Amino acid sequence: MSDHPDSTTVPKSIGELSENIVSKLAQTRPADGRVANAMRSLESQVHDLMHMSHITSDIGEAMFSRPDRAEGEYLVLTMHVSERDTFLFALGNVEERVRKFKAGYMAAFDGETV
């Protein structure tokens, strides 16, 4: 018995091999229209994430740009508990939005929505 594969299953040229690969990729790849529609469904998430990141940045800038004093290389800050809570909420909110956006983006890349 021969160790060589059957000649009917082996590509006869690089062109045929490339054509086979492209054909298989096209069969597994979602249609561009599905991908575009799925990406469009992420628009509100993108805008919400952008706005929330601006809010978080503004809160952080306001809190950290007013140090009470410096002790060597350290800044001593005083903030109200509600400022800290608001800032931590905003950070957590942005983190959660990024996680959801990533999941939505990965699904949209495959033409799906979540």
N, C-alpha and C. Protein backbone atom coordinates (compact mmCIF):
# COMPACT_ATOMS: atom_id res chain seq x y z
N MET A 1 0.84 -1.16 0.00
CA MET A 1 0.00 0.00 0.00
C MET A 1 0.89 1.24 0.00
N SER A 2 0.54 2.21 -0.76
CA SER A 2 1.33 3.42 -0.92
C SER A 2 1.10 4.38 0.24
N ASP A 3 2.17 5.09 0.62
CA ASP A 3 2.06 6.14 1.64
C ASP A 3 1.60 7.46 1.05
N HIS A 4 1.48 7.54 -0.25
CA HIS A 4 1.10 8.78 -0.93
C HIS A 4 -0.41 8.91 -0.97
N PRO A 5 -0.91 10.14 -0.74
CA PRO A 5 -2.35 10.33 -0.82
C PRO A 5 -2.86 10.13 -2.23
N ASP A 6 -4.12 9.83 -2.34
CA ASP A 6 -4.77 9.66 -3.63
C ASP A 6 -4.63 10.96 -4.42
N SER A 7 -4.21 10.87 -5.64
CA SER A 7 -3.95 12.07 -6.45
C SER A 7 -5.22 12.86 -6.73
N THR A 8 -6.39 12.26 -6.56
CA THR A 8 -7.63 12.99 -6.82
C THR A 8 -7.97 13.96 -5.69
N THR A 9 -7.35 13.79 -4.51
CA THR A 9 -7.65 14.67 -3.39
C THR A 9 -6.56 15.72 -3.15
N VAL A 10 -5.45 15.61 -3.82
CA VAL A 10 -4.34 16.55 -3.64
C VAL A 10 -4.47 17.67 -4.66
N PRO A 11 -4.39 18.93 -4.23
CA PRO A 11 -4.46 20.04 -5.19
C PRO A 11 -3.34 19.91 -6.22
N LYS A 12 -3.67 20.25 -7.44
CA LYS A 12 -2.71 20.11 -8.53
C LYS A 12 -1.81 21.33 -8.68
N SER A 13 -2.18 22.45 -8.05
CA SER A 13 -1.36 23.65 -8.15
C SER A 13 -1.60 24.53 -6.93
N ILE A 14 -0.72 25.52 -6.76
CA ILE A 14 -0.90 26.50 -5.69
C ILE A 14 -2.21 27.24 -5.89
N GLY A 15 -2.56 27.56 -7.12
CA GLY A 15 -3.81 28.24 -7.43
C GLY A 15 -5.01 27.44 -6.97
N GLU A 16 -4.99 26.14 -7.23
CA GLU A 16 -6.10 25.28 -6.81
C GLU A 16 -6.15 25.20 -5.29
N LEU A 17 -4.99 25.11 -4.65
CA LEU A 17 -4.93 25.08 -3.20
C LEU A 17 -5.51 26.37 -2.63
N SER A 18 -5.11 27.51 -3.18
CA SER A 18 -5.63 28.81 -2.72
C SER A 18 -7.13 28.90 -2.93
N GLU A 19 -7.60 28.43 -4.06
CA GLU A 19 -9.04 28.45 -4.35
C GLU A 19 -9.80 27.61 -3.33
N ASN A 20 -9.25 26.45 -2.98
CA ASN A 20 -9.88 25.58 -1.98
C ASN A 20 -9.96 26.27 -0.62
N ILE A 21 -8.88 26.95 -0.24
CA ILE A 21 -8.85 27.63 1.06
C ILE A 21 -9.86 28.77 1.07
N VAL A 22 -9.87 29.60 0.03
CA VAL A 22 -10.80 30.72 -0.05
C VAL A 22 -12.23 30.22 -0.05
N SER A 23 -12.49 29.14 -0.76
CA SER A 23 -13.83 28.57 -0.81
C SER A 23 -14.28 28.12 0.57
N LYS A 24 -13.39 27.45 1.31
CA LYS A 24 -13.74 26.99 2.65
C LYS A 24 -13.96 28.16 3.59
N LEU A 25 -13.14 29.22 3.49
CA LEU A 25 -13.32 30.41 4.33
C LEU A 25 -14.64 31.09 4.02
N ALA A 26 -14.99 31.18 2.76
CA ALA A 26 -16.24 31.83 2.36
C ALA A 26 -17.44 31.06 2.90
N GLN A 27 -17.31 29.75 3.01
CA GLN A 27 -18.42 28.94 3.51
C GLN A 27 -18.63 29.15 5.01
N THR A 28 -17.56 29.44 5.75
CA THR A 28 -17.67 29.58 7.20
C THR A 28 -17.84 31.03 7.63
N ARG A 29 -17.55 31.96 6.76
CA ARG A 29 -17.63 33.38 7.08
C ARG A 29 -19.05 33.89 6.91
N PRO A 30 -19.56 34.69 7.88
CA PRO A 30 -20.92 35.22 7.72
C PRO A 30 -20.96 36.25 6.60
N ALA A 31 -22.13 36.44 6.04
CA ALA A 31 -22.31 37.41 4.97
C ALA A 31 -22.00 38.81 5.51
N ASP A 32 -21.40 39.63 4.66
CA ASP A 32 -21.02 40.98 5.07
C ASP A 32 -22.21 41.80 5.55
N GLY A 33 -23.36 41.60 4.96
CA GLY A 33 -24.56 42.33 5.37
C GLY A 33 -24.94 42.00 6.80
N ARG A 34 -24.84 40.73 7.18
CA ARG A 34 -25.13 40.32 8.56
C ARG A 34 -24.16 40.95 9.53
N VAL A 35 -22.89 40.97 9.14
CA VAL A 35 -21.86 41.57 10.00
C VAL A 35 -22.14 43.06 10.15
N ALA A 36 -22.43 43.75 9.05
CA ALA A 36 -22.69 45.19 9.10
C ALA A 36 -23.90 45.49 9.98
N ASN A 37 -24.96 44.73 9.83
CA ASN A 37 -26.15 44.96 10.66
C ASN A 37 -25.85 44.71 12.14
N ALA A 38 -25.10 43.67 12.42
CA ALA A 38 -24.74 43.37 13.81
C ALA A 38 -23.85 44.48 14.38
N MET A 39 -22.93 45.00 13.57
CA MET A 39 -22.07 46.10 14.03
C MET A 39 -22.90 47.36 14.28
N ARG A 40 -23.85 47.62 13.40
CA ARG A 40 -24.72 48.80 13.58
C ARG A 40 -25.52 48.70 14.87
N SER A 41 -25.85 47.49 15.28
CA SER A 41 -26.63 47.33 16.51
C SER A 41 -25.83 47.75 17.75
N LEU A 42 -24.53 47.92 17.61
CA LEU A 42 -23.67 48.31 18.73
C LEU A 42 -23.56 49.82 18.89
N GLU A 43 -24.19 50.59 17.99
CA GLU A 43 -24.00 52.04 17.98
C GLU A 43 -24.34 52.69 19.33
N SER A 44 -25.46 52.34 19.91
CA SER A 44 -25.83 52.98 21.19
C SER A 44 -24.85 52.59 22.29
N GLN A 45 -24.35 51.36 22.26
CA GLN A 45 -23.36 50.96 23.26
C GLN A 45 -22.09 51.78 23.13
N VAL A 46 -21.67 52.05 21.90
CA VAL A 46 -20.46 52.85 21.67
C VAL A 46 -20.65 54.25 22.24
N HIS A 47 -21.79 54.88 21.94
CA HIS A 47 -22.05 56.23 22.42
C HIS A 47 -22.17 56.26 23.95
N ASP A 48 -22.90 55.30 24.52
CA ASP A 48 -23.04 55.25 25.97
C ASP A 48 -21.70 55.06 26.66
N LEU A 49 -20.88 54.18 26.12
CA LEU A 49 -19.55 53.94 26.69
C LEU A 49 -18.70 55.21 26.60
N MET A 50 -18.75 55.89 25.47
CA MET A 50 -17.99 57.12 25.30
C MET A 50 -18.42 58.16 26.34
N HIS A 51 -19.73 58.36 26.49
CA HIS A 51 -20.23 59.36 27.45
C HIS A 51 -19.85 58.98 28.88
N MET A 52 -20.00 57.71 29.22
CA MET A 52 -19.67 57.29 30.59
C MET A 52 -18.18 57.42 30.85
N SER A 53 -17.34 57.17 29.86
CA SER A 53 -15.90 57.33 30.07
C SER A 53 -15.55 58.81 30.26
N HIS A 54 -16.25 59.72 29.56
CA HIS A 54 -16.03 61.16 29.77
C HIS A 54 -16.46 61.57 31.18
N ILE A 55 -17.59 61.07 31.62
CA ILE A 55 -18.07 61.38 32.98
C ILE A 55 -17.06 60.91 34.01
N THR A 56 -16.58 59.68 33.84
CA THR A 56 -15.61 59.11 34.78
C THR A 56 -14.32 59.92 34.78
N SER A 57 -13.88 60.30 33.59
CA SER A 57 -12.67 61.11 33.47
C SER A 57 -12.84 62.46 34.17
N ASP A 58 -13.99 63.10 33.97
CA ASP A 58 -14.25 64.39 34.62
C ASP A 58 -14.25 64.27 36.13
N ILE A 59 -14.89 63.21 36.65
CA ILE A 59 -14.92 63.00 38.11
C ILE A 59 -13.50 62.79 38.63
N GLY A 60 -12.74 61.93 37.96
CA GLY A 60 -11.36 61.66 38.38
C GLY A 60 -10.49 62.90 38.33
N GLU A 61 -10.62 63.66 37.26
CA GLU A 61 -9.83 64.88 37.13
C GLU A 61 -10.16 65.87 38.25
N ALA A 62 -11.45 66.04 38.54
CA ALA A 62 -11.86 66.95 39.61
C ALA A 62 -11.32 66.50 40.97
N MET A 63 -11.37 65.20 41.22
CA MET A 63 -10.92 64.68 42.52
C MET A 63 -9.40 64.77 42.68
N PHE A 64 -8.68 64.40 41.64
CA PHE A 64 -7.23 64.28 41.77
C PHE A 64 -6.46 65.55 41.43
N SER A 65 -7.14 66.57 40.97
CA SER A 65 -6.44 67.81 40.62
C SER A 65 -6.45 68.82 41.77
N ARG A 66 -6.99 68.42 42.90
CA ARG A 66 -7.03 69.33 44.05
C ARG A 66 -6.42 68.70 45.31
N PRO A 67 -5.17 68.33 45.24
CA PRO A 67 -4.57 67.72 46.43
C PRO A 67 -4.48 68.73 47.58
N ASP A 68 -4.64 68.22 48.79
CA ASP A 68 -4.53 69.09 49.97
C ASP A 68 -3.08 69.50 50.19
N ARG A 69 -2.20 68.55 49.98
CA ARG A 69 -0.78 68.85 50.17
C ARG A 69 0.04 67.72 49.55
N ALA A 70 1.32 67.98 49.43
CA ALA A 70 2.24 66.95 48.94
C ALA A 70 3.17 66.57 50.09
N GLU A 71 3.44 65.29 50.20
CA GLU A 71 4.41 64.79 51.17
C GLU A 71 5.45 64.01 50.39
N GLY A 72 6.48 64.69 50.00
CA GLY A 72 7.49 64.09 49.13
C GLY A 72 6.86 63.81 47.77
N GLU A 73 6.92 62.58 47.33
CA GLU A 73 6.33 62.20 46.04
C GLU A 73 4.86 61.82 46.16
N TYR A 74 4.30 61.90 47.36
CA TYR A 74 2.91 61.50 47.58
C TYR A 74 2.00 62.72 47.67
N LEU A 75 0.81 62.59 47.12
CA LEU A 75 -0.21 63.62 47.26
C LEU A 75 -1.21 63.16 48.31
N VAL A 76 -1.61 64.06 49.15
CA VAL A 76 -2.62 63.75 50.16
C VAL A 76 -3.92 64.38 49.68
N LEU A 77 -4.94 63.56 49.51
CA LEU A 77 -6.23 64.00 49.01
C LEU A 77 -7.29 63.85 50.08
N THR A 78 -8.21 64.77 50.07
CA THR A 78 -9.38 64.65 50.93
C THR A 78 -10.58 64.67 50.01
N MET A 79 -11.44 63.67 50.17
CA MET A 79 -12.64 63.64 49.36
C MET A 79 -13.79 63.15 50.23
N HIS A 80 -14.96 63.57 49.86
CA HIS A 80 -16.16 63.15 50.58
C HIS A 80 -16.44 61.70 50.20
N VAL A 81 -17.04 60.98 51.10
CA VAL A 81 -17.37 59.57 50.86
C VAL A 81 -18.24 59.45 49.61
N SER A 82 -19.16 60.38 49.40
CA SER A 82 -20.04 60.30 48.22
C SER A 82 -19.25 60.50 46.93
N GLU A 83 -18.18 61.33 46.97
CA GLU A 83 -17.32 61.50 45.78
C GLU A 83 -16.61 60.19 45.45
N ARG A 84 -16.08 59.56 46.50
CA ARG A 84 -15.40 58.28 46.30
C ARG A 84 -16.37 57.24 45.75
N ASP A 85 -17.55 57.17 46.33
CA ASP A 85 -18.55 56.20 45.88
C ASP A 85 -18.98 56.46 44.45
N THR A 86 -19.17 57.73 44.10
CA THR A 86 -19.56 58.08 42.73
C THR A 86 -18.46 57.69 41.74
N PHE A 87 -17.22 57.98 42.11
CA PHE A 87 -16.09 57.65 41.24
C PHE A 87 -15.96 56.14 41.06
N LEU A 88 -16.06 55.40 42.15
CA LEU A 88 -15.96 53.93 42.06
C LEU A 88 -17.13 53.35 41.26
N PHE A 89 -18.33 53.92 41.44
CA PHE A 89 -19.46 53.48 40.63
C PHE A 89 -19.19 53.71 39.15
N ALA A 90 -18.69 54.92 38.82
CA ALA A 90 -18.42 55.25 37.42
C ALA A 90 -17.36 54.32 36.83
N LEU A 91 -16.31 54.04 37.58
CA LEU A 91 -15.27 53.12 37.10
C LEU A 91 -15.85 51.74 36.84
N GLY A 92 -16.63 51.23 37.78
CA GLY A 92 -17.25 49.92 37.62
C GLY A 92 -18.21 49.89 36.44
N ASN A 93 -18.94 50.99 36.25
CA ASN A 93 -19.89 51.09 35.15
C ASN A 93 -19.16 51.03 33.81
N VAL A 94 -18.06 51.77 33.70
CA VAL A 94 -17.29 51.75 32.45
C VAL A 94 -16.73 50.36 32.21
N GLU A 95 -16.22 49.72 33.24
CA GLU A 95 -15.67 48.37 33.09
C GLU A 95 -16.74 47.40 32.59
N GLU A 96 -17.94 47.47 33.15
CA GLU A 96 -19.03 46.58 32.74
C GLU A 96 -19.46 46.88 31.30
N ARG A 97 -19.52 48.16 30.92
CA ARG A 97 -19.88 48.52 29.56
C ARG A 97 -18.84 48.01 28.55
N VAL A 98 -17.57 48.10 28.92
CA VAL A 98 -16.51 47.60 28.04
C VAL A 98 -16.64 46.09 27.87
N ARG A 99 -16.91 45.39 28.96
CA ARG A 99 -17.07 43.92 28.89
C ARG A 99 -18.23 43.56 27.96
N LYS A 100 -19.37 44.24 28.11
CA LYS A 100 -20.53 43.97 27.26
C LYS A 100 -20.25 44.35 25.81
N PHE A 101 -19.56 45.47 25.63
CA PHE A 101 -19.25 45.89 24.26
C PHE A 101 -18.32 44.88 23.58
N LYS A 102 -17.33 44.40 24.30
CA LYS A 102 -16.42 43.40 23.72
C LYS A 102 -17.20 42.15 23.31
N ALA A 103 -18.10 41.68 24.17
CA ALA A 103 -18.90 40.50 23.83
C ALA A 103 -19.76 40.77 22.61
N GLY A 104 -20.36 41.97 22.55
CA GLY A 104 -21.19 42.34 21.41
C GLY A 104 -20.38 42.45 20.14
N TYR A 105 -19.19 43.01 20.26
CA TYR A 105 -18.31 43.16 19.08
C TYR A 105 -17.89 41.79 18.55
N MET A 106 -17.48 40.91 19.44
CA MET A 106 -17.05 39.59 19.00
C MET A 106 -18.20 38.84 18.33
N ALA A 107 -19.39 38.97 18.87
CA ALA A 107 -20.56 38.33 18.26
C ALA A 107 -20.86 38.97 16.91
N ALA A 108 -20.80 40.32 16.84
CA ALA A 108 -21.09 41.02 15.58
C ALA A 108 -20.09 40.66 14.51
N PHE A 109 -18.85 40.40 14.89
CA PHE A 109 -17.82 40.01 13.93
C PHE A 109 -18.24 38.71 13.22
N ASP A 110 -19.01 37.90 13.95
CA ASP A 110 -19.53 36.65 13.38
C ASP A 110 -20.93 36.81 12.81
N GLY A 111 -21.41 38.08 12.76
CA GLY A 111 -22.74 38.35 12.17
C GLY A 111 -23.87 38.11 13.13
N GLU A 112 -23.59 38.06 14.44
CA GLU A 112 -24.62 37.78 15.44
C GLU A 112 -24.80 39.00 16.33
N THR A 113 -25.93 39.08 17.01
CA THR A 113 -26.15 40.12 18.01
C THR A 113 -26.40 39.45 19.36
N VAL A 114 -26.05 40.16 20.41
CA VAL A 114 -26.29 39.64 21.76
C VAL A 114 -27.24 40.55 22.49
